[in-house]
Protein backbone atom coordinates (compact mmCIF):
# COMPACT_ATOMS: atom_id res chain seq x y z
CA MET A 1 -7.12 9.85 8.32
CA THR A 2 -9.11 12.73 6.94
CA GLY A 3 -11.33 13.30 3.94
CA THR A 4 -11.21 17.08 3.66
CA GLN A 5 -7.68 17.78 2.48
CA SER A 6 -7.03 18.59 -1.17
CA ALA A 7 -4.18 18.79 -3.62
CA SER A 8 -3.78 18.99 -7.35
CA SER A 9 -4.49 15.68 -9.08
CA SER A 10 -2.37 16.83 -12.04
CA ILE A 11 0.97 16.33 -10.29
CA SER A 12 3.60 15.59 -12.92
CA SER A 13 5.78 12.50 -12.92
CA ALA A 14 8.90 14.58 -12.26
CA ASP A 15 7.23 16.50 -9.42
CA PHE A 16 5.88 13.34 -7.79
CA PHE A 17 9.24 11.56 -7.77
CA ASP A 18 11.05 14.71 -6.66
CA ARG A 19 8.71 15.08 -3.69
CA ALA A 20 8.91 11.38 -2.85
CA LEU A 21 12.71 11.44 -2.89
CA ARG A 22 12.74 14.46 -0.57
CA ARG A 23 10.08 13.22 1.85
CA LEU A 24 10.73 9.47 2.19
CA ARG A 25 13.55 7.60 3.91
CA PHE A 26 14.57 4.00 4.61
CA GLU A 27 14.13 4.13 8.37
CA VAL A 28 12.14 1.14 9.68
CA PRO A 29 9.45 2.38 12.10
CA ALA A 30 9.33 0.74 15.53
CA ALA A 31 5.62 -0.03 15.00
CA LEU A 32 6.52 -2.74 12.50
CA THR A 33 7.70 -5.15 15.21
CA ASP A 34 7.13 -3.52 18.63
CA ALA A 35 3.79 -4.57 20.13
CA ALA A 36 3.86 -1.55 22.45
CA VAL A 37 3.79 0.86 19.49
CA ILE A 38 0.40 1.06 17.80
CA PRO A 39 0.31 2.41 14.22
CA ALA A 40 -1.58 5.70 14.33
CA THR A 41 -4.18 6.44 11.67
CA GLY A 42 -5.68 9.69 12.94
CA ASP A 43 -9.13 8.06 13.02
CA ALA A 44 -10.35 7.31 16.55
CA GLY A 45 -12.29 4.21 15.51
CA ASN A 46 -9.38 2.75 13.58
CA ASP A 47 -6.91 3.53 16.35
CA GLN A 48 -9.11 1.78 18.91
CA MET A 49 -9.45 -1.23 16.60
CA LEU A 50 -5.67 -1.52 16.27
CA ARG A 51 -5.19 -1.27 20.04
CA THR A 52 -7.70 -4.10 20.48
CA ILE A 53 -6.06 -6.27 17.82
CA ALA A 54 -2.61 -5.68 19.36
CA GLN A 55 -3.83 -7.19 22.64
CA GLU A 56 -5.30 -10.27 20.98
CA ARG A 57 -2.99 -11.30 18.15
CA PRO A 58 0.76 -11.48 17.59
CA ILE A 59 2.29 -8.94 15.26
CA ARG A 60 2.50 -10.14 11.67
CA PRO A 61 5.10 -7.91 9.91
CA ALA A 62 4.56 -7.55 6.18
CA ALA A 63 5.96 -5.47 3.35
CA VAL A 64 4.45 -4.30 0.07
CA LEU A 65 5.82 -2.53 -2.97
CA ILE A 66 4.07 0.54 -4.39
CA PRO A 67 5.40 0.36 -7.97
CA VAL A 68 4.93 3.74 -9.67
CA VAL A 69 5.67 3.23 -13.36
CA GLU A 70 7.44 6.22 -14.89
CA HIS A 71 5.36 6.72 -18.02
CA ALA A 72 4.75 10.24 -19.35
CA GLU A 73 1.58 9.92 -17.26
CA PRO A 74 2.69 7.67 -14.39
CA THR A 75 0.70 4.67 -13.24
CA VAL A 76 0.61 2.41 -10.19
CA LEU A 77 1.00 -1.32 -10.77
CA LEU A 78 -1.54 -3.33 -8.76
CA THR A 79 -2.52 -6.98 -8.52
CA MET A 80 -5.72 -8.93 -8.05
CA ARG A 81 -5.27 -11.72 -5.55
CA ALA A 82 -6.13 -15.24 -6.72
CA ALA A 83 -9.75 -16.27 -6.24
CA HIS A 84 -8.86 -19.53 -4.49
CA LEU A 85 -6.87 -17.97 -1.64
CA ASN A 86 -8.17 -18.28 1.92
CA ASP A 87 -7.47 -14.64 2.81
CA HIS A 88 -8.64 -11.62 0.79
CA ALA A 89 -9.42 -13.69 -2.31
CA GLY A 90 -10.02 -11.57 -5.40
CA GLN A 91 -9.11 -8.30 -3.71
CA ILE A 92 -6.93 -5.59 -5.23
CA SER A 93 -3.50 -5.46 -3.60
CA PHE A 94 0.07 -4.32 -3.95
CA PRO A 95 2.74 -6.93 -4.62
CA GLY A 96 3.94 -8.05 -1.20
CA GLY A 97 3.48 -10.33 1.76
CA LYS A 98 4.92 -11.36 5.08
CA ILE A 99 8.53 -10.58 5.94
CA ASP A 100 10.53 -13.83 6.13
CA PRO A 101 13.46 -14.38 8.50
CA THR A 102 15.74 -14.65 5.47
CA ASP A 103 14.80 -11.17 4.21
CA HIS A 104 17.51 -8.61 4.97
CA SER A 105 14.98 -5.77 5.29
CA PRO A 106 11.33 -4.89 4.56
CA LEU A 107 12.56 -3.52 1.24
CA ASP A 108 14.13 -6.87 0.42
CA ALA A 109 10.88 -8.62 1.30
CA ALA A 110 8.83 -6.29 -0.93
CA LEU A 111 11.17 -6.79 -3.91
CA ARG A 112 11.24 -10.57 -3.39
CA GLU A 113 7.45 -10.78 -3.22
CA ALA A 114 7.07 -8.67 -6.36
CA GLU A 115 9.38 -11.05 -8.20
CA GLU A 116 7.57 -14.14 -6.85
CA GLU A 117 4.02 -12.89 -7.45
CA ILE A 118 4.24 -11.10 -10.79
CA GLY A 119 7.81 -11.58 -12.04
CA LEU A 120 8.75 -7.90 -11.70
CA ASP A 121 12.51 -7.86 -12.30
CA ARG A 122 14.12 -5.72 -9.60
CA SER A 123 16.58 -4.31 -12.14
CA TYR A 124 13.66 -2.14 -13.33
CA VAL A 125 12.87 -0.95 -9.79
CA GLU A 126 14.39 2.08 -8.04
CA PRO A 127 13.28 2.04 -4.38
CA ILE A 128 12.62 5.52 -2.96
CA GLY A 129 11.60 5.05 0.68
CA TYR A 130 9.08 3.78 3.21
CA LEU A 131 5.70 5.16 4.17
CA ASP A 132 4.49 4.75 7.76
CA VAL A 133 3.40 1.34 9.03
CA TYR A 134 -0.20 0.50 8.12
CA GLY A 135 -2.05 -1.74 10.61
CA THR A 136 -4.96 -4.00 9.67
CA SER A 137 -7.74 -5.76 11.54
CA PHE A 138 -6.09 -9.10 10.71
CA GLY A 139 -3.05 -8.27 12.80
CA PHE A 140 -0.78 -7.39 9.89
CA ARG A 141 1.56 -4.45 10.18
CA ILE A 142 2.42 -3.46 6.63
CA LEU A 143 5.41 -1.33 5.67
CA PRO A 144 4.98 0.02 2.13
CA THR A 145 7.99 0.81 -0.07
CA VAL A 146 7.46 3.47 -2.72
CA ALA A 147 9.46 2.76 -5.87
CA ARG A 148 10.01 4.22 -9.31
CA VAL A 149 9.67 1.53 -12.00
CA ARG A 150 11.26 1.93 -15.41
CA PRO A 151 8.91 0.98 -18.27
CA GLY A 152 9.77 -1.98 -20.48
CA PHE A 153 9.43 -4.77 -17.93
CA GLU A 154 7.60 -8.00 -18.69
CA LEU A 155 5.50 -9.71 -16.04
CA THR A 156 5.04 -13.40 -15.31
CA ILE A 157 1.95 -13.92 -13.18
CA ASN A 158 2.17 -16.57 -10.47
CA LYS A 159 -1.38 -17.95 -10.67
CA SER A 160 -1.07 -19.64 -7.29
CA GLU A 161 -1.07 -16.17 -5.72
CA VAL A 162 -2.32 -13.63 -8.26
CA ASP A 163 -4.98 -13.71 -10.96
CA ASP A 164 -4.04 -10.47 -12.71
CA ALA A 165 -1.79 -7.40 -12.68
CA PHE A 166 -2.83 -4.04 -14.08
CA GLU A 167 -1.97 -0.34 -14.00
CA VAL A 168 -4.07 2.58 -12.74
CA PRO A 169 -3.18 6.22 -13.49
CA LEU A 170 -1.38 7.83 -10.57
CA ALA A 171 -3.37 11.03 -11.19
CA PHE A 172 -6.61 9.15 -10.52
CA LEU A 173 -5.32 7.56 -7.32
CA MET A 174 -3.83 10.84 -6.02
CA ASP A 175 -7.01 12.84 -6.68
CA PRO A 176 -8.79 13.24 -3.30
CA GLY A 177 -12.07 13.54 -5.19
CA ASN A 178 -11.75 9.81 -5.91
CA HIS A 179 -11.17 8.88 -2.26
CA GLN A 180 -14.50 7.62 -0.96
CA LEU A 181 -14.62 7.47 2.83
CA HIS A 182 -16.87 4.73 4.24
CA SER A 183 -17.40 3.32 7.71
CA LYS A 184 -18.48 0.07 9.30
CA GLU A 185 -18.89 -1.25 12.81
CA PHE A 186 -16.12 -3.08 14.62
CA ARG A 187 -17.22 -4.42 18.02
CA GLY A 188 -19.64 -1.62 18.66
CA ALA A 189 -17.46 1.20 17.36
CA LEU A 190 -17.35 2.79 13.92
CA ARG A 191 -14.12 2.52 11.96
CA SER A 192 -13.40 4.21 8.65
CA TYR A 193 -11.94 2.90 5.42
CA TYR A 194 -11.26 4.26 1.95
CA ALA A 195 -12.46 3.01 -1.43
CA MET A 196 -11.28 4.14 -4.87
CA PRO A 197 -13.36 2.39 -7.55
CA PHE A 198 -11.67 2.49 -10.96
CA ALA A 199 -13.56 1.13 -13.98
CA GLU A 200 -14.43 -2.48 -13.08
CA ARG A 201 -11.81 -2.56 -10.30
CA TYR A 202 -12.88 -1.96 -6.69
CA ILE A 203 -9.86 -0.72 -4.75
CA TRP A 204 -10.59 -0.57 -1.04
CA GLY A 205 -9.43 -1.54 2.44
CA ALA A 206 -5.70 -1.63 3.16
CA THR A 207 -4.75 -0.94 -0.47
CA ALA A 208 -6.88 2.20 -0.67
CA GLY A 209 -5.75 3.23 2.81
CA ILE A 210 -2.10 2.97 1.83
CA LEU A 211 -2.75 4.95 -1.37
CA ARG A 212 -4.41 7.64 0.75
CA ALA A 213 -1.34 7.65 3.01
CA LEU A 214 0.84 8.05 -0.10
CA TYR A 215 -1.27 11.03 -1.17
CA GLU A 216 -1.01 12.68 2.24
CA ARG A 217 2.74 12.07 2.53
CA VAL A 218 3.84 13.00 -0.98
CA CYS A 219 1.18 15.03 -2.76
CA LEU A 220 0.03 17.50 -0.14
CA PRO A 221 2.04 20.74 0.01
């Protein structure tokens, strides 16, 4: 996890999807379910935090969808979690959740959750590939699926899980100038996290971290 790399924020829709198709695959990383494999972040504080969490809590595999909508100027479809939820209430997230035993793959889990949470019909979704596993301080190991989404879909918000769904320009999210790097203490050690405020939306934590990982994997030369 670094804050000094740069790339053009004006990446075109065609260029972004071309790079994503060339760089991403559907190979499930061992870190998703193997407690002996700790997701690496490149930040010493974060890596130490994940090693500590791995010793204390069982792995909680999860999957999210990164829906990149193929407008002339592409956007990323995000959600705001319902305010009444016990965990991460009101936070900005990707559609997704825990991987159920009935899910055939993390991809299947991400598509199912997107349908359940916001009514995104999978016929509009073209999955492209997985990013690396993203570990959190709550013991979740999240496998993000990048997907191209054809415009024209209609959403049905499940208010028991999500308060809102909205789109943010991909150019904004892939501009490293908008990637604020913050830090806070975790058991005596500093750990880093990203924030990407957009208008009245405060995108931070795992969502911003995964977007940063998307930038590093797809947008950097």
